[in-house]
Amino acid sequence: MNRVKDKVVIVTGAALGIGKAASLMLAKEGAKIAVTDIRAEESKALIEEIQNSNGEAEYWKLDVGIESEVERVFADIYRKWGKIDVLVNNAGISGINKPTHKITQEEWNAVMTVNVNGVFFCTKHAIPFMLDVGSGSIINISAVYGLVGSTSVPAYHASKGAVRLMSKTDALLYASNNIRVNSVHPGFIMTPMVEEHFGGKEYVEKGRKFLDYLHPLGHMGEPDDIAYGILYLASEESKFVTGAELVIDGGYTAR
């Protein structure tokens, strides 16, 4: 308990999946959680769940691809709690699944707006508050597909590779300010985004068996598997960790 006691943590894309699991775990360990997402109903349910467990959280509706919204929301979070200690850049979309030569500019840009611009905007507007505090931890959720390729979702791959190198660059830029920046690379995790790719509930069991097979440990991961890594990077236990890639993938990239 209390591994992140009294830290103010912003989680983007917090309503579902990894973001929800991280928010619950960080709140349980004593953090004040700024739940940000475009999904109001699910976010409010998450706030209620945190509060019912004696945690502290508040919801801000946020589209990370709109810089003015990021600037306004982060300033409001700072006004409420007086600091920002941790940013979890989790918001992301998989985007269109087409071969590269068939992807339109609009389809490509839709992925980059959320997955790359969103990380940039949130980092940009969190850094000044962290400089004010004199420390901080930025945790960027990339993917195994930010490390290796495959024959699907080209724009998603490109975006997650960008997040990986953005993390390393910012880690170097702000190391002297005691602001740490790391990326997390999940394997396939059972989240609503993955279920959506199965093409319907009737295909979930078959799809899961296939994805289980891709991981040497023999099964997909769960959101809490990633949340534990986020908790570590948010805590002072990782005070000597920056510019690193935390791979949590059931052995997927070890092949």
C-alpha atoms as a PDB file:
ATOM      1  CA  MET A   1       0.000   0.000   0.000  1.00  0.00           C
ATOM      2  CA  ASN A   2       0.896   3.688  -0.421  1.00  0.00           C
ATOM      3  CA  ARG A   3       3.487   3.088  -3.146  1.00  0.00           C
ATOM      4  CA  VAL A   4       2.374   6.333  -4.823  1.00  0.00           C
ATOM      5  CA  LYS A   5       0.766   8.052  -1.836  1.00  0.00           C
ATOM      6  CA  ASP A   6      -0.378  11.633  -2.537  1.00  0.00           C
ATOM      7  CA  LYS A   7       1.032  11.678  -6.066  1.00  0.00           C
ATOM      8  CA  VAL A   8      -1.199  13.422  -8.603  1.00  0.00           C
ATOM      9  CA  VAL A   9      -1.497  11.156 -11.633  1.00  0.00           C
ATOM     10  CA  ILE A  10      -3.078  11.970 -14.990  1.00  0.00           C
ATOM     11  CA  VAL A  11      -4.245   8.918 -16.931  1.00  0.00           C
ATOM     12  CA  THR A  12      -5.395   9.462 -20.523  1.00  0.00           C
ATOM     13  CA  GLY A  13      -7.794   7.003 -22.097  1.00  0.00           C
ATOM     14  CA  ALA A  14      -8.642   5.983 -18.550  1.00  0.00           C
ATOM     15  CA  ALA A  15     -12.209   4.741 -18.979  1.00  0.00           C
ATOM     16  CA  LEU A  16     -11.521   1.219 -20.233  1.00  0.00           C
ATOM     17  CA  GLY A  17      -8.888  -1.491 -20.504  1.00  0.00           C
ATOM     18  CA  ILE A  18      -5.347  -0.711 -19.412  1.00  0.00           C
ATOM     19  CA  GLY A  19      -6.212   2.865 -18.458  1.00  0.00           C
ATOM     20  CA  LYS A  20      -8.981   1.730 -16.139  1.00  0.00           C
ATOM     21  CA  ALA A  21      -6.822  -0.973 -14.533  1.00  0.00           C
ATOM     22  CA  ALA A  22      -3.975   1.501 -13.992  1.00  0.00           C
ATOM     23  CA  SER A  23      -6.313   4.109 -12.496  1.00  0.00           C
ATOM     24  CA  LEU A  24      -7.765   1.614 -10.026  1.00  0.00           C
ATOM     25  CA  MET A  25      -4.362   0.268  -9.007  1.00  0.00           C
ATOM     26  CA  LEU A  26      -2.727   3.676  -8.633  1.00  0.00           C
ATOM     27  CA  ALA A  27      -5.681   4.943  -6.586  1.00  0.00           C
ATOM     28  CA  LYS A  28      -5.481   1.894  -4.337  1.00  0.00           C
ATOM     29  CA  GLU A  29      -1.814   2.741  -3.743  1.00  0.00           C
ATOM     30  CA  GLY A  30      -2.658   6.268  -2.609  1.00  0.00           C
ATOM     31  CA  ALA A  31      -2.520   8.427  -5.746  1.00  0.00           C
ATOM     32  CA  LYS A  32      -4.984  11.152  -6.686  1.00  0.00           C
ATOM     33  CA  ILE A  33      -6.238  10.191 -10.133  1.00  0.00           C
ATOM     34  CA  ALA A  34      -7.189  12.594 -12.909  1.00  0.00           C
ATOM     35  CA  VAL A  35      -9.315  10.349 -15.093  1.00  0.00           C
ATOM     36  CA  THR A  36      -9.322  11.753 -18.627  1.00  0.00           C
ATOM     37  CA  ASP A  37     -11.174  10.268 -21.577  1.00  0.00           C
ATOM     38  CA  ILE A  38     -13.757  11.108 -24.226  1.00  0.00           C
ATOM     39  CA  ARG A  39     -16.099   8.479 -22.727  1.00  0.00           C
ATOM     40  CA  ALA A  40     -18.037  10.284 -20.009  1.00  0.00           C
ATOM     41  CA  GLU A  41     -20.343   7.486 -18.838  1.00  0.00           C
ATOM     42  CA  GLU A  42     -17.613   4.878 -18.376  1.00  0.00           C
ATOM     43  CA  SER A  43     -15.292   7.443 -16.774  1.00  0.00           C
ATOM     44  CA  LYS A  44     -17.887   8.474 -14.222  1.00  0.00           C
ATOM     45  CA  ALA A  45     -18.455   4.813 -13.351  1.00  0.00           C
ATOM     46  CA  LEU A  46     -14.700   4.466 -12.799  1.00  0.00           C
ATOM     47  CA  ILE A  47     -14.660   7.538 -10.540  1.00  0.00           C
ATOM     48  CA  GLU A  48     -17.458   6.031  -8.475  1.00  0.00           C
ATOM     49  CA  GLU A  49     -15.592   2.737  -8.187  1.00  0.00           C
ATOM     50  CA  ILE A  50     -12.438   4.514  -6.988  1.00  0.00           C
ATOM     51  CA  GLN A  51     -14.338   6.638  -4.497  1.00  0.00           C
ATOM     52  CA  ASN A  52     -16.242   3.645  -3.151  1.00  0.00           C
ATOM     53  CA  SER A  53     -12.844   2.146  -2.292  1.00  0.00           C
ATOM     54  CA  ASN A  54     -11.854   5.338  -0.410  1.00  0.00           C
ATOM     55  CA  GLY A  55      -9.701   6.592  -3.264  1.00  0.00           C
ATOM     56  CA  GLU A  56      -9.568  10.112  -4.693  1.00  0.00           C
ATOM     57  CA  ALA A  57     -10.342  10.796  -8.338  1.00  0.00           C
ATOM     58  CA  GLU A  58     -12.029  13.286 -10.627  1.00  0.00           C
ATOM     59  CA  TYR A  59     -13.061  13.133 -14.268  1.00  0.00           C
ATOM     60  CA  TRP A  60     -12.139  15.530 -17.073  1.00  0.00           C
ATOM     61  CA  LYS A  61     -13.468  14.982 -20.577  1.00  0.00           C
ATOM     62  CA  LEU A  62     -10.470  15.155 -22.903  1.00  0.00           C
ATOM     63  CA  ASP A  63      -9.662  14.554 -26.544  1.00  0.00           C
ATOM     64  CA  VAL A  64      -5.862  14.270 -26.468  1.00  0.00           C
ATOM     65  CA  GLY A  65      -5.629  15.152 -30.158  1.00  0.00           C
ATOM     66  CA  ILE A  66      -6.811  18.725 -29.499  1.00  0.00           C
ATOM     67  CA  GLU A  67      -4.004  20.761 -27.935  1.00  0.00           C
ATOM     68  CA  SER A  68      -6.251  23.491 -26.553  1.00  0.00           C
ATOM     69  CA  GLU A  69      -8.237  20.879 -24.624  1.00  0.00           C
ATOM     70  CA  VAL A  70      -5.058  19.331 -23.212  1.00  0.00           C
ATOM     71  CA  GLU A  71      -3.773  22.732 -22.107  1.00  0.00           C
ATOM     72  CA  ARG A  72      -7.074  23.646 -20.434  1.00  0.00           C
ATOM     73  CA  VAL A  73      -7.592  20.301 -18.690  1.00  0.00           C
ATOM     74  CA  PHE A  74      -4.023  20.040 -17.377  1.00  0.00           C
ATOM     75  CA  ALA A  75      -4.190  23.570 -15.993  1.00  0.00           C
ATOM     76  CA  ASP A  76      -7.468  22.696 -14.276  1.00  0.00           C
ATOM     77  CA  ILE A  77      -5.950  19.541 -12.764  1.00  0.00           C
ATOM     78  CA  TYR A  78      -3.056  21.626 -11.472  1.00  0.00           C
ATOM     79  CA  ARG A  79      -5.444  24.155  -9.947  1.00  0.00           C
ATOM     80  CA  LYS A  80      -7.334  21.395  -8.155  1.00  0.00           C
ATOM     81  CA  TRP A  81      -4.396  19.517  -6.634  1.00  0.00           C
ATOM     82  CA  GLY A  82      -1.512  22.001  -6.855  1.00  0.00           C
ATOM     83  CA  LYS A  83       0.867  19.719  -8.746  1.00  0.00           C
ATOM     84  CA  ILE A  84       1.217  17.035 -11.415  1.00  0.00           C
ATOM     85  CA  ASP A  85       3.588  14.199 -10.529  1.00  0.00           C
ATOM     86  CA  VAL A  86       2.851  11.471 -13.071  1.00  0.00           C
ATOM     87  CA  LEU A  87       1.450  11.374 -16.603  1.00  0.00           C
ATOM     88  CA  VAL A  88       0.298   8.078 -18.106  1.00  0.00           C
ATOM     89  CA  ASN A  89      -0.056   8.587 -21.861  1.00  0.00           C
ATOM     90  CA  ASN A  90      -2.384   5.669 -22.463  1.00  0.00           C
ATOM     91  CA  ALA A  91      -4.997   7.014 -24.903  1.00  0.00           C
ATOM     92  CA  GLY A  92      -4.717   5.322 -28.266  1.00  0.00           C
ATOM     93  CA  ILE A  93      -6.542   3.755 -31.186  1.00  0.00           C
ATOM     94  CA  SER A  94      -5.618   0.916 -33.510  1.00  0.00           C
ATOM     95  CA  GLY A  95      -7.022   2.591 -36.610  1.00  0.00           C
ATOM     96  CA  ILE A  96      -7.686   1.146 -40.014  1.00  0.00           C
ATOM     97  CA  ASN A  97      -6.342  -2.295 -40.918  1.00  0.00           C
ATOM     98  CA  LYS A  98      -5.325  -2.006 -44.565  1.00  0.00           C
ATOM     99  CA  PRO A  99      -2.099  -2.494 -46.545  1.00  0.00           C
ATOM    100  CA  THR A 100      -0.021   0.674 -46.642  1.00  0.00           C
ATOM    101  CA  HIS A 101      -0.819   1.473 -50.297  1.00  0.00           C
ATOM    102  CA  LYS A 102      -4.559   1.461 -49.582  1.00  0.00           C
ATOM    103  CA  ILE A 103      -4.555   3.738 -46.527  1.00  0.00           C
ATOM    104  CA  THR A 104      -5.951   7.215 -47.128  1.00  0.00           C
ATOM    105  CA  GLN A 105      -4.374  10.351 -45.715  1.00  0.00           C
ATOM    106  CA  GLU A 106      -7.392  10.816 -43.474  1.00  0.00           C
ATOM    107  CA  GLU A 107      -7.106   7.271 -42.094  1.00  0.00           C
ATOM    108  CA  TRP A 108      -3.378   7.700 -41.443  1.00  0.00           C
ATOM    109  CA  ASN A 109      -3.825  11.088 -39.797  1.00  0.00           C
ATOM    110  CA  ALA A 110      -6.612   9.799 -37.547  1.00  0.00           C
ATOM    111  CA  VAL A 111      -4.175   7.364 -35.920  1.00  0.00           C
ATOM    112  CA  MET A 112      -1.329   9.866 -35.683  1.00  0.00           C
ATOM    113  CA  THR A 113      -3.598  12.515 -34.160  1.00  0.00           C
ATOM    114  CA  VAL A 114      -4.378  10.348 -31.135  1.00  0.00           C
ATOM    115  CA  ASN A 115      -1.352   8.080 -30.796  1.00  0.00           C
ATOM    116  CA  VAL A 116       1.454  10.525 -31.603  1.00  0.00           C
ATOM    117  CA  ASN A 117       0.090  14.067 -31.363  1.00  0.00           C
ATOM    118  CA  GLY A 118      -1.773  13.121 -28.199  1.00  0.00           C
ATOM    119  CA  VAL A 119       1.412  11.937 -26.496  1.00  0.00           C
ATOM    120  CA  PHE A 120       3.222  15.078 -27.667  1.00  0.00           C
ATOM    121  CA  PHE A 121       0.506  17.488 -26.505  1.00  0.00           C
ATOM    122  CA  CYS A 122       0.111  15.826 -23.110  1.00  0.00           C
ATOM    123  CA  THR A 123       3.859  15.664 -22.524  1.00  0.00           C
ATOM    124  CA  LYS A 124       4.286  19.271 -23.653  1.00  0.00           C
ATOM    125  CA  HIS A 125       1.692  20.566 -21.206  1.00  0.00           C
ATOM    126  CA  ALA A 126       2.660  18.322 -18.279  1.00  0.00           C
ATOM    127  CA  ILE A 127       6.368  19.165 -18.349  1.00  0.00           C
ATOM    128  CA  PRO A 128       6.040  22.780 -17.098  1.00  0.00           C
ATOM    129  CA  PHE A 129       4.110  21.614 -14.033  1.00  0.00           C
ATOM    130  CA  MET A 130       6.681  18.891 -13.370  1.00  0.00           C
ATOM    131  CA  LEU A 131       9.478  21.438 -13.712  1.00  0.00           C
ATOM    132  CA  ASP A 132       7.650  23.487 -11.094  1.00  0.00           C
ATOM    133  CA  VAL A 133       7.568  20.499  -8.720  1.00  0.00           C
ATOM    134  CA  GLY A 134      11.160  19.522  -9.534  1.00  0.00           C
ATOM    135  CA  SER A 135      10.412  15.934 -10.514  1.00  0.00           C
ATOM    136  CA  GLY A 136       8.043  13.761 -12.486  1.00  0.00           C
ATOM    137  CA  SER A 137       7.409  10.492 -14.256  1.00  0.00           C
ATOM    138  CA  ILE A 138       5.954  10.230 -17.758  1.00  0.00           C
ATOM    139  CA  ILE A 139       4.834   6.760 -18.776  1.00  0.00           C
ATOM    140  CA  ASN A 140       4.087   6.322 -22.475  1.00  0.00           C
ATOM    141  CA  ILE A 141       2.098   3.264 -23.472  1.00  0.00           C
ATOM    142  CA  SER A 142       3.575   1.971 -26.720  1.00  0.00           C
ATOM    143  CA  ALA A 143       3.184  -1.694 -27.753  1.00  0.00           C
ATOM    144  CA  VAL A 144       5.152  -4.711 -28.889  1.00  0.00           C
ATOM    145  CA  TYR A 145       4.334  -3.294 -32.314  1.00  0.00           C
ATOM    146  CA  GLY A 146       6.476  -0.318 -31.421  1.00  0.00           C
ATOM    147  CA  LEU A 147       9.394  -2.778 -31.307  1.00  0.00           C
ATOM    148  CA  VAL A 148       8.676  -5.329 -34.050  1.00  0.00           C
ATOM    149  CA  GLY A 149       6.678  -5.373 -37.245  1.00  0.00           C
ATOM    150  CA  SER A 150       3.805  -7.427 -38.570  1.00  0.00           C
ATOM    151  CA  THR A 151       1.560  -7.456 -41.617  1.00  0.00           C
ATOM    152  CA  SER A 152      -1.347  -5.595 -40.004  1.00  0.00           C
ATOM    153  CA  VAL A 153      -2.292  -2.012 -39.007  1.00  0.00           C
ATOM    154  CA  PRO A 154       0.689  -0.134 -40.557  1.00  0.00           C
ATOM    155  CA  ALA A 155      -0.296   3.261 -39.137  1.00  0.00           C
ATOM    156  CA  TYR A 156      -0.577   1.795 -35.635  1.00  0.00           C
ATOM    157  CA  HIS A 157       2.912   0.305 -35.916  1.00  0.00           C
ATOM    158  CA  ALA A 158       4.358   3.605 -37.077  1.00  0.00           C
ATOM    159  CA  SER A 159       2.654   5.509 -34.284  1.00  0.00           C
ATOM    160  CA  LYS A 160       3.832   3.172 -31.540  1.00  0.00           C
ATOM    161  CA  GLY A 161       7.383   3.223 -32.894  1.00  0.00           C
ATOM    162  CA  ALA A 162       7.240   7.003 -32.719  1.00  0.00           C
ATOM    163  CA  VAL A 163       6.111   6.842 -29.096  1.00  0.00           C
ATOM    164  CA  ARG A 164       9.105   4.639 -28.258  1.00  0.00           C
ATOM    165  CA  LEU A 165      11.637   7.140 -29.617  1.00  0.00           C
ATOM    166  CA  MET A 166       9.765  10.179 -28.299  1.00  0.00           C
ATOM    167  CA  SER A 167      10.158   8.595 -24.868  1.00  0.00           C
ATOM    168  CA  LYS A 168      13.917   8.216 -25.222  1.00  0.00           C
ATOM    169  CA  THR A 169      14.388  11.753 -26.521  1.00  0.00           C
ATOM    170  CA  ASP A 170      12.361  13.313 -23.708  1.00  0.00           C
ATOM    171  CA  ALA A 171      14.152  11.103 -21.170  1.00  0.00           C
ATOM    172  CA  LEU A 172      17.433  12.702 -22.261  1.00  0.00           C
ATOM    173  CA  LEU A 173      16.026  16.215 -22.487  1.00  0.00           C
ATOM    174  CA  TYR A 174      14.639  16.270 -18.949  1.00  0.00           C
ATOM    175  CA  ALA A 175      16.912  13.898 -17.006  1.00  0.00           C
ATOM    176  CA  SER A 176      18.703  16.826 -15.390  1.00  0.00           C
ATOM    177  CA  ASN A 177      15.336  18.066 -14.142  1.00  0.00           C
ATOM    178  CA  ASN A 178      14.623  14.726 -12.439  1.00  0.00           C
ATOM    179  CA  ILE A 179      11.776  14.025 -14.857  1.00  0.00           C
ATOM    180  CA  ARG A 180      11.828  10.417 -15.983  1.00  0.00           C
ATOM    181  CA  VAL A 181      10.271   9.236 -19.246  1.00  0.00           C
ATOM    182  CA  ASN A 182       9.771   5.564 -20.091  1.00  0.00           C
ATOM    183  CA  SER A 183       7.730   3.493 -22.522  1.00  0.00           C
ATOM    184  CA  VAL A 184       5.684   0.380 -21.781  1.00  0.00           C
ATOM    185  CA  HIS A 185       5.260  -2.268 -24.478  1.00  0.00           C
ATOM    186  CA  PRO A 186       2.320  -4.607 -23.872  1.00  0.00           C
ATOM    187  CA  GLY A 187       1.748  -7.780 -25.809  1.00  0.00           C
ATOM    188  CA  PHE A 188      -1.835  -8.630 -26.688  1.00  0.00           C
ATOM    189  CA  ILE A 189      -4.007  -7.705 -23.716  1.00  0.00           C
ATOM    190  CA  MET A 190      -7.676  -8.607 -23.412  1.00  0.00           C
ATOM    191  CA  THR A 191      -9.202  -5.149 -23.707  1.00  0.00           C
ATOM    192  CA  PRO A 192     -12.258  -3.763 -25.543  1.00  0.00           C
ATOM    193  CA  MET A 193      -9.977  -2.583 -28.376  1.00  0.00           C
ATOM    194  CA  VAL A 194      -8.689  -6.125 -28.952  1.00  0.00           C
ATOM    195  CA  GLU A 195     -12.181  -7.626 -28.659  1.00  0.00           C
ATOM    196  CA  GLU A 196     -13.387  -5.177 -31.295  1.00  0.00           C
ATOM    197  CA  HIS A 197     -10.856  -6.600 -33.760  1.00  0.00           C
ATOM    198  CA  PHE A 198     -12.301 -10.063 -33.319  1.00  0.00           C
ATOM    199  CA  GLY A 199     -15.348  -8.867 -35.270  1.00  0.00           C
ATOM    200  CA  GLY A 200     -18.050  -9.564 -32.700  1.00  0.00           C
ATOM    201  CA  LYS A 201     -18.657 -11.416 -29.456  1.00  0.00           C
ATOM    202  CA  GLU A 202     -19.256 -14.697 -31.289  1.00  0.00           C
ATOM    203  CA  TYR A 203     -15.632 -14.616 -32.478  1.00  0.00           C
ATOM    204  CA  VAL A 204     -13.988 -13.716 -29.155  1.00  0.00           C
ATOM    205  CA  GLU A 205     -13.238 -17.265 -28.032  1.00  0.00           C
ATOM    206  CA  LYS A 206     -11.714 -18.260 -31.369  1.00  0.00           C
ATOM    207  CA  GLY A 207      -9.727 -15.024 -31.591  1.00  0.00           C
ATOM    208  CA  ARG A 208      -8.424 -15.374 -28.072  1.00  0.00           C
ATOM    209  CA  LYS A 209      -7.176 -18.896 -28.720  1.00  0.00           C
ATOM    210  CA  PHE A 210      -5.200 -17.629 -31.712  1.00  0.00           C
ATOM    211  CA  LEU A 211      -3.673 -14.750 -29.752  1.00  0.00           C
ATOM    212  CA  ASP A 212      -2.922 -17.054 -26.808  1.00  0.00           C
ATOM    213  CA  TYR A 213      -0.884 -19.180 -29.208  1.00  0.00           C
ATOM    214  CA  LEU A 214       1.259 -16.198 -30.274  1.00  0.00           C
ATOM    215  CA  HIS A 215       2.656 -15.772 -26.752  1.00  0.00           C
ATOM    216  CA  PRO A 216       5.265 -18.284 -25.501  1.00  0.00           C
ATOM    217  CA  LEU A 217       3.651 -18.258 -22.054  1.00  0.00           C
ATOM    218  CA  GLY A 218       0.556 -19.655 -23.750  1.00  0.00           C
ATOM    219  CA  HIS A 219      -1.963 -16.928 -23.044  1.00  0.00           C
ATOM    220  CA  MET A 220      -2.785 -13.270 -23.589  1.00  0.00           C
ATOM    221  CA  GLY A 221      -2.239 -10.736 -20.856  1.00  0.00           C
ATOM    222  CA  GLU A 222      -4.776  -8.986 -18.648  1.00  0.00           C
ATOM    223  CA  PRO A 223      -4.962  -5.212 -18.029  1.00  0.00           C
ATOM    224  CA  ASP A 224      -3.585  -5.628 -14.503  1.00  0.00           C
ATOM    225  CA  ASP A 225      -0.390  -7.144 -15.940  1.00  0.00           C
ATOM    226  CA  ILE A 226       0.332  -3.772 -17.522  1.00  0.00           C
ATOM    227  CA  ALA A 227      -1.017  -1.759 -14.594  1.00  0.00           C
ATOM    228  CA  TYR A 228       1.616  -3.316 -12.298  1.00  0.00           C
ATOM    229  CA  GLY A 229       4.338  -2.056 -14.643  1.00  0.00           C
ATOM    230  CA  ILE A 230       2.789   1.409 -14.724  1.00  0.00           C
ATOM    231  CA  LEU A 231       2.631   1.434 -10.922  1.00  0.00           C
ATOM    232  CA  TYR A 232       6.332   0.589 -10.735  1.00  0.00           C
ATOM    233  CA  LEU A 233       7.289   3.396 -13.112  1.00  0.00           C
ATOM    234  CA  ALA A 234       5.040   5.865 -11.276  1.00  0.00           C
ATOM    235  CA  SER A 235       6.584   5.033  -7.902  1.00  0.00           C
ATOM    236  CA  GLU A 236       9.920   6.001  -6.405  1.00  0.00           C
ATOM    237  CA  GLU A 237      10.976   2.358  -6.769  1.00  0.00           C
ATOM    238  CA  SER A 238      11.931   3.244 -10.358  1.00  0.00           C
ATOM    239  CA  LYS A 239      13.858   6.438  -9.499  1.00  0.00           C
ATOM    240  CA  PHE A 240      16.903   5.197 -11.489  1.00  0.00           C
ATOM    241  CA  VAL A 241      14.880   4.196 -14.553  1.00  0.00           C
ATOM    242  CA  THR A 242      14.522   6.544 -17.522  1.00  0.00           C
ATOM    243  CA  GLY A 243      14.615   6.119 -21.285  1.00  0.00           C
ATOM    244  CA  ALA A 244      13.797   2.439 -20.799  1.00  0.00           C
ATOM    245  CA  GLU A 245      11.419   0.071 -22.562  1.00  0.00           C
ATOM    246  CA  LEU A 246       9.370  -2.023 -20.158  1.00  0.00           C
ATOM    247  CA  VAL A 247       8.254  -4.989 -22.258  1.00  0.00           C
ATOM    248  CA  ILE A 248       5.326  -6.933 -20.781  1.00  0.00           C
ATOM    249  CA  ASP A 249       4.426  -9.347 -23.547  1.00  0.00           C
ATOM    250  CA  GLY A 250       4.373 -12.974 -22.424  1.00  0.00           C
ATOM    251  CA  GLY A 251       7.552 -13.574 -24.437  1.00  0.00           C
ATOM    252  CA  TYR A 252       6.093 -12.336 -27.723  1.00  0.00           C
ATOM    253  CA  THR A 253       9.205 -10.364 -28.758  1.00  0.00           C
ATOM    254  CA  ALA A 254      11.672 -12.990 -27.503  1.00  0.00           C
ATOM    255  CA  ARG A 255      11.171 -15.183 -30.571  1.00  0.00           C
END
